[in-house]
C-alpha atoms as a PDB file:
ATOM      1  CA  MET A   1      84.224  84.030  82.873  1.00  0.00           C
ATOM      2  CA  ARG A   2      87.905  84.290  83.712  1.00  0.00           C
ATOM      3  CA  ARG A   3      90.047  81.181  84.583  1.00  0.00           C
ATOM      4  CA  ILE A   4      92.044  81.308  87.459  1.00  0.00           C
ATOM      5  CA  ARG A   5      95.440  79.545  86.957  1.00  0.00           C
ATOM      6  CA  VAL A   6      95.646  77.362  90.272  1.00  0.00           C
ATOM      7  CA  ALA A   7      99.063  75.383  91.352  1.00  0.00           C
ATOM      8  CA  VAL A   8      98.432  72.352  93.375  1.00  0.00           C
ATOM      9  CA  VAL A   9     101.666  71.923  95.137  1.00  0.00           C
ATOM     10  CA  HIS A  10     102.637  68.449  96.664  1.00  0.00           C
ATOM     11  CA  GLY A  11     105.264  67.784  99.159  1.00  0.00           C
ATOM     12  CA  VAL A  12     107.535  65.092 100.304  1.00  0.00           C
ATOM     13  CA  ASN A  13     106.608  61.575  99.879  1.00  0.00           C
ATOM     14  CA  LEU A  14     102.965  62.713  97.518  1.00  0.00           C
ATOM     15  CA  ASP A  15     104.730  60.829  95.024  1.00  0.00           C
ATOM     16  CA  GLN A  16     104.308  57.334  96.706  1.00  0.00           C
ATOM     17  CA  LEU A  17     100.529  57.334  97.301  1.00  0.00           C
ATOM     18  CA  GLY A  18      99.295  54.032  96.445  1.00  0.00           C
ATOM     19  CA  ARG A  19     102.101  52.814  97.939  1.00  0.00           C
ATOM     20  CA  ARG A  20     101.377  54.491 101.604  1.00  0.00           C
ATOM     21  CA  ASN A  21      98.653  53.353 103.983  1.00  0.00           C
ATOM     22  CA  PRO A  22      95.467  53.302 101.714  1.00  0.00           C
ATOM     23  CA  ASP A  23      93.230  54.160 105.218  1.00  0.00           C
ATOM     24  CA  HIS A  24      95.111  57.488 105.688  1.00  0.00           C
ATOM     25  CA  TYR A  25      96.424  58.803 102.038  1.00  0.00           C
ATOM     26  CA  GLY A  26      93.390  56.529  99.548  1.00  0.00           C
ATOM     27  CA  ALA A  27      94.400  53.680  96.936  1.00  0.00           C
ATOM     28  CA  GLY A  28      95.345  55.762  93.902  1.00  0.00           C
ATOM     29  CA  SER A  29      98.270  57.415  92.441  1.00  0.00           C
ATOM     30  CA  LEU A  30      99.239  61.056  92.453  1.00  0.00           C
ATOM     31  CA  ARG A  31      98.800  60.699  88.707  1.00  0.00           C
ATOM     32  CA  ASP A  32      95.433  59.464  89.643  1.00  0.00           C
ATOM     33  CA  LEU A  33      94.762  62.551  92.174  1.00  0.00           C
ATOM     34  CA  GLU A  34      96.250  64.930  89.802  1.00  0.00           C
ATOM     35  CA  ARG A  35      93.705  63.967  86.911  1.00  0.00           C
ATOM     36  CA  GLN A  36      90.639  63.961  89.222  1.00  0.00           C
ATOM     37  CA  VAL A  37      91.458  67.590  90.299  1.00  0.00           C
ATOM     38  CA  GLU A  38      92.408  68.665  86.459  1.00  0.00           C
ATOM     39  CA  GLU A  39      88.731  67.397  85.716  1.00  0.00           C
ATOM     40  CA  TRP A  40      87.474  69.493  88.684  1.00  0.00           C
ATOM     41  CA  GLY A  41      89.447  72.047  87.800  1.00  0.00           C
ATOM     42  CA  THR A  42      88.390  72.466  84.402  1.00  0.00           C
ATOM     43  CA  GLU A  43      84.422  72.233  85.578  1.00  0.00           C
ATOM     44  CA  LEU A  44      84.693  75.059  87.912  1.00  0.00           C
ATOM     45  CA  GLY A  45      86.783  77.283  85.391  1.00  0.00           C
ATOM     46  CA  CYS A  46      90.374  76.721  86.510  1.00  0.00           C
ATOM     47  CA  ALA A  47      93.262  76.238  84.622  1.00  0.00           C
ATOM     48  CA  VAL A  48      95.120  73.888  86.908  1.00  0.00           C
ATOM     49  CA  ARG A  49      98.919  72.904  86.991  1.00  0.00           C
ATOM     50  CA  PHE A  50     100.853  70.315  89.449  1.00  0.00           C
ATOM     51  CA  PHE A  51     104.057  70.576  90.768  1.00  0.00           C
ATOM     52  CA  GLN A  52     105.933  67.804  93.428  1.00  0.00           C
ATOM     53  CA  THR A  53     109.052  67.530  95.373  1.00  0.00           C
ATOM     54  CA  ASN A  54     110.746  65.900  98.032  1.00  0.00           C
ATOM     55  CA  HIS A  55     113.418  68.261  98.194  1.00  0.00           C
ATOM     56  CA  GLU A  56     112.053  71.160 100.819  1.00  0.00           C
ATOM     57  CA  GLY A  57     114.672  73.541  98.589  1.00  0.00           C
ATOM     58  CA  ALA A  58     112.468  72.970  95.375  1.00  0.00           C
ATOM     59  CA  PHE A  59     109.415  73.626  97.206  1.00  0.00           C
ATOM     60  CA  VAL A  60     110.555  76.786  98.691  1.00  0.00           C
ATOM     61  CA  GLU A  61     111.802  77.875  95.531  1.00  0.00           C
ATOM     62  CA  TYR A  62     108.448  76.814  93.494  1.00  0.00           C
ATOM     63  CA  LEU A  63     106.979  79.255  95.733  1.00  0.00           C
ATOM     64  CA  HIS A  64     109.715  82.068  95.114  1.00  0.00           C
ATOM     65  CA  ARG A  65     108.569  81.759  91.285  1.00  0.00           C
ATOM     66  CA  ALA A  66     104.693  81.053  92.122  1.00  0.00           C
ATOM     67  CA  GLU A  67     103.760  85.220  91.895  1.00  0.00           C
ATOM     68  CA  GLY A  68     102.763  86.215  88.543  1.00  0.00           C
ATOM     69  CA  LEU A  69     102.631  82.788  86.905  1.00  0.00           C
ATOM     70  CA  VAL A  70      99.541  81.641  89.096  1.00  0.00           C
ATOM     71  CA  ASP A  71      96.498  83.024  91.013  1.00  0.00           C
ATOM     72  CA  ALA A  72      96.223  81.136  93.851  1.00  0.00           C
ATOM     73  CA  LEU A  73      98.121  77.940  95.067  1.00  0.00           C
ATOM     74  CA  ILE A  74      96.588  74.745  96.807  1.00  0.00           C
ATOM     75  CA  LEU A  75      99.674  73.015  99.362  1.00  0.00           C
ATOM     76  CA  ASN A  76      99.725  69.403 100.217  1.00  0.00           C
ATOM     77  CA  PRO A  77     103.850  69.680 102.063  1.00  0.00           C
ATOM     78  CA  GLY A  78     103.040  66.576 103.191  1.00  0.00           C
ATOM     79  CA  ALA A  79     105.336  66.216 106.970  1.00  0.00           C
ATOM     80  CA  TRP A  80     106.723  69.632 106.219  1.00  0.00           C
ATOM     81  CA  THR A  81     103.817  70.956 107.140  1.00  0.00           C
ATOM     82  CA  HIS A  82     104.248  70.498 110.473  1.00  0.00           C
ATOM     83  CA  TYR A  83     107.945  72.305 110.641  1.00  0.00           C
ATOM     84  CA  SER A  84     109.322  74.188 107.700  1.00  0.00           C
ATOM     85  CA  TRP A  85     109.050  77.541 109.141  1.00  0.00           C
ATOM     86  CA  ALA A  86     111.208  77.847 105.387  1.00  0.00           C
ATOM     87  CA  ILE A  87     108.000  76.667 103.425  1.00  0.00           C
ATOM     88  CA  HIS A  88     105.890  79.288 105.715  1.00  0.00           C
ATOM     89  CA  ASP A  89     108.312  82.146 104.870  1.00  0.00           C
ATOM     90  CA  ALA A  90     108.407  81.545 101.351  1.00  0.00           C
ATOM     91  CA  LEU A  91     104.579  81.053 100.589  1.00  0.00           C
ATOM     92  CA  GLU A  92     104.264  84.236 103.133  1.00  0.00           C
ATOM     93  CA  LEU A  93     106.615  85.822  99.818  1.00  0.00           C
ATOM     94  CA  ALA A  94     104.155  84.557  97.503  1.00  0.00           C
ATOM     95  CA  SER A  95     101.631  86.185  99.167  1.00  0.00           C
ATOM     96  CA  LEU A  96      98.681  84.284  97.346  1.00  0.00           C
ATOM     97  CA  PRO A  97      95.606  83.015  98.027  1.00  0.00           C
ATOM     98  CA  ALA A  98      95.939  79.265  99.297  1.00  0.00           C
ATOM     99  CA  VAL A  99      94.434  76.270 101.021  1.00  0.00           C
ATOM    100  CA  GLU A 100      96.227  73.977 102.555  1.00  0.00           C
ATOM    101  CA  VAL A 101      94.772  70.532 102.014  1.00  0.00           C
ATOM    102  CA  HIS A 102      95.623  66.879 103.765  1.00  0.00           C
ATOM    103  CA  LEU A 103      94.072  63.586 101.966  1.00  0.00           C
ATOM    104  CA  SER A 104      93.771  62.339 106.432  1.00  0.00           C
ATOM    105  CA  ASP A 105      92.534  63.907 108.534  1.00  0.00           C
ATOM    106  CA  VAL A 106      95.720  65.009 110.658  1.00  0.00           C
ATOM    107  CA  GLY A 107      93.653  66.432 113.855  1.00  0.00           C
ATOM    108  CA  ALA A 108      92.823  62.604 114.458  1.00  0.00           C
ATOM    109  CA  ARG A 109      96.644  61.109 113.975  1.00  0.00           C
ATOM    110  CA  GLU A 110      99.728  61.662 116.091  1.00  0.00           C
ATOM    111  CA  GLU A 111     100.042  64.870 117.816  1.00  0.00           C
ATOM    112  CA  TRP A 112     103.008  65.622 115.921  1.00  0.00           C
ATOM    113  CA  ARG A 113     100.906  65.796 112.971  1.00  0.00           C
ATOM    114  CA  ARG A 114      98.224  68.638 114.623  1.00  0.00           C
ATOM    115  CA  ARG A 115     100.656  71.689 114.095  1.00  0.00           C
ATOM    116  CA  SER A 116     100.629  73.149 110.838  1.00  0.00           C
ATOM    117  CA  VAL A 117     103.081  75.933 110.426  1.00  0.00           C
ATOM    118  CA  ILE A 118     101.393  77.289 107.169  1.00  0.00           C
ATOM    119  CA  SER A 119      97.824  77.220 107.995  1.00  0.00           C
ATOM    120  CA  GLU A 120      97.931  81.077 109.617  1.00  0.00           C
ATOM    121  CA  LEU A 121      98.664  81.779 105.859  1.00  0.00           C
ATOM    122  CA  CYS A 122      95.962  80.048 104.176  1.00  0.00           C
ATOM    123  CA  LEU A 123      92.679  80.973 103.544  1.00  0.00           C
ATOM    124  CA  ALA A 124      91.359  77.603 104.754  1.00  0.00           C
ATOM    125  CA  THR A 125      92.623  73.992 105.560  1.00  0.00           C
ATOM    126  CA  VAL A 126      90.629  71.119 104.421  1.00  0.00           C
ATOM    127  CA  SER A 127      91.461  67.840 106.354  1.00  0.00           C
ATOM    128  CA  GLY A 128      90.245  64.336 105.868  1.00  0.00           C
ATOM    129  CA  GLN A 129      87.994  64.557 102.706  1.00  0.00           C
ATOM    130  CA  GLY A 130      90.600  61.942 100.877  1.00  0.00           C
ATOM    131  CA  ILE A 131      91.038  63.627  97.363  1.00  0.00           C
ATOM    132  CA  ALA A 132      87.670  65.153  97.528  1.00  0.00           C
ATOM    133  CA  GLY A 133      89.459  68.199  99.479  1.00  0.00           C
ATOM    134  CA  TYR A 134      91.261  69.191  96.661  1.00  0.00           C
ATOM    135  CA  ARG A 135      87.451  70.039  94.635  1.00  0.00           C
ATOM    136  CA  THR A 136      86.908  71.547  98.235  1.00  0.00           C
ATOM    137  CA  ALA A 137      89.656  73.767  97.991  1.00  0.00           C
ATOM    138  CA  LEU A 138      89.302  74.206  94.470  1.00  0.00           C
ATOM    139  CA  GLU A 139      85.796  75.804  95.491  1.00  0.00           C
ATOM    140  CA  ALA A 140      87.157  77.887  98.048  1.00  0.00           C
ATOM    141  CA  LEU A 141      89.764  79.485  95.906  1.00  0.00           C
ATOM    142  CA  SER A 142      86.713  80.283  92.845  1.00  0.00           C
ATOM    143  CA  GLY A 143      84.661  81.755  95.667  1.00  0.00           C
ATOM    144  CA  HIS A 144      87.343  83.728  96.953  1.00  0.00           C
ATOM    145  CA  LEU A 145      88.933  85.056  93.659  1.00  0.00           C
ATOM    146  CA  LEU A 146      85.617  85.511  92.332  1.00  0.00           C
ATOM    147  CA  PRO A 147      83.298  87.167  94.874  1.00  0.00           C
ATOM    148  CA  ASN A 148      80.777  88.231  92.437  1.00  0.00           C
ATOM    149  CA  GLU A 149      79.949  85.340  90.633  1.00  0.00           C
ATOM    150  CA  PRO A 150      77.128  82.813  92.461  1.00  0.00           C
ATOM    151  CA  GLU A 151      78.592  80.087  93.993  1.00  0.00           C
ATOM    152  CA  ALA A 152      77.093  77.622  96.543  1.00  0.00           C
ATOM    153  CA  PRO A 153      79.209  77.325  99.662  1.00  0.00           C
ATOM    154  CA  ALA A 154      81.738  74.908  99.161  1.00  0.00           C
ATOM    155  CA  ASP A 155      80.804  71.737 101.653  1.00  0.00           C
ATOM    156  CA  GLY A 156      83.518  70.926 104.069  1.00  0.00           C
ATOM    157  CA  VAL A 157      85.330  74.477 104.154  1.00  0.00           C
ATOM    158  CA  GLU A 158      84.341  76.381 107.373  1.00  0.00           C
ATOM    159  CA  GLY A 159      84.685  79.836 106.424  1.00  0.00           C
ATOM    160  CA  PRO A 160      88.925  80.700 106.983  1.00  0.00           C
ATOM    161  CA  ALA A 161      89.292  77.415 109.508  1.00  0.00           C
ATOM    162  CA  THR A 162      90.121  74.105 109.394  1.00  0.00           C
ATOM    163  CA  ALA A 163      87.516  72.067 107.479  1.00  0.00           C
ATOM    164  CA  GLU A 164      86.281  68.918 108.809  1.00  0.00           C
ATOM    165  CA  PRO A 165      86.219  65.274 107.617  1.00  0.00           C
ATOM    166  CA  THR A 166      83.240  63.620 106.225  1.00  0.00           C
ATOM    167  CA  ALA A 167      81.802  60.351 107.705  1.00  0.00           C
ATOM    168  CA  ALA A 168      82.903  58.671 104.094  1.00  0.00           C
ATOM    169  CA  SER A 169      86.510  60.057 104.358  1.00  0.00           C
ATOM    170  CA  PRO A 170      89.485  58.549 105.552  1.00  0.00           C
ATOM    171  CA  GLY A 171      89.666  59.402 109.498  1.00  0.00           C
ATOM    172  CA  GLY A 172      86.052  59.048 110.177  1.00  0.00           C
ATOM    173  CA  THR A 173      84.075  62.069 111.352  1.00  0.00           C
ATOM    174  CA  ALA A 174      86.349  63.505 114.087  1.00  0.00           C
ATOM    175  CA  PRO A 175      87.198  67.299 113.587  1.00  0.00           C
ATOM    176  CA  SER A 176      90.533  69.281 113.731  1.00  0.00           C
ATOM    177  CA  THR A 177      90.442  71.620 116.864  1.00  0.00           C
ATOM    178  CA  ASP A 178      93.849  72.347 116.834  1.00  0.00           C
ATOM    179  CA  SER A 179      94.340  74.644 113.913  1.00  0.00           C
ATOM    180  CA  PRO A 180      94.958  78.590 114.770  1.00  0.00           C
ATOM    181  CA  THR A 181      92.681  81.040 112.923  1.00  0.00           C
ATOM    182  CA  PRO A 182      93.780  81.179 109.112  1.00  0.00           C
ATOM    183  CA  THR A 183      94.455  85.016 107.774  1.00  0.00           C
ATOM    184  CA  ASP A 184      93.241  86.255 104.467  1.00  0.00           C
ATOM    185  CA  LEU A 185      95.954  86.840 101.980  1.00  0.00           C
ATOM    186  CA  PRO A 186      96.056  89.542  99.472  1.00  0.00           C
ATOM    187  CA  THR A 187      94.310  88.773  95.933  1.00  0.00           C
ATOM    188  CA  PRO A 188      96.684  89.136  92.972  1.00  0.00           C
END
C-alpha cells in the first residue's frame, strides 16, 4: 500500500491547547494531539508531518510550498478560518485534497465562528469531534486518494459536507448547518 503524505497545518492559538477552554478544545496539548494523530496516521498508512504558526503569512507560505511535498492537507486555521481570504487563496493555489478540522463544534458556538472561507475548497469539514476529528480527516483523505482499496466509511463525515459532532465530543450533538457544499479538489 502506498503511504499518503499528509501535512497537518495548525493556525493561530493552536499552540495554546491545554491552556484554552477544555470544554471546547479538550485538555491535551498540541504535542499530545500530534502524537495521537501520528499514531493514527501510521495505522492508516499515512506519513504525517505537522506545522503550526501564529503568523498568517507563514501559514500562507507553508501552503504555497506544499504542492509536491505532500499529497493532502488537514487544516485547522483557528480563527483565520472565518475571515482569511489569503489562506483561502493559498489553499486554492496548493490544489491539494484537504479536510478542514475544528476541535469544537463551531456550528454551536458564536455566530462569527459558523462561517468558513475555506470549506468550499475542502473535501469535508469535521467539527465537534475533538481530537478524534483528525482521525476522521485522515480516513476521509485515505478514502479519497486510495479509492480502490477497501475501507469502511469514516464515522462523522457526510460526503463532501460538514460532519456532525458526536455525543461524546465537545459541543454536544447539534449539527453544523451553515457550511456551503465543498468542492472536490484535483488529486496530485
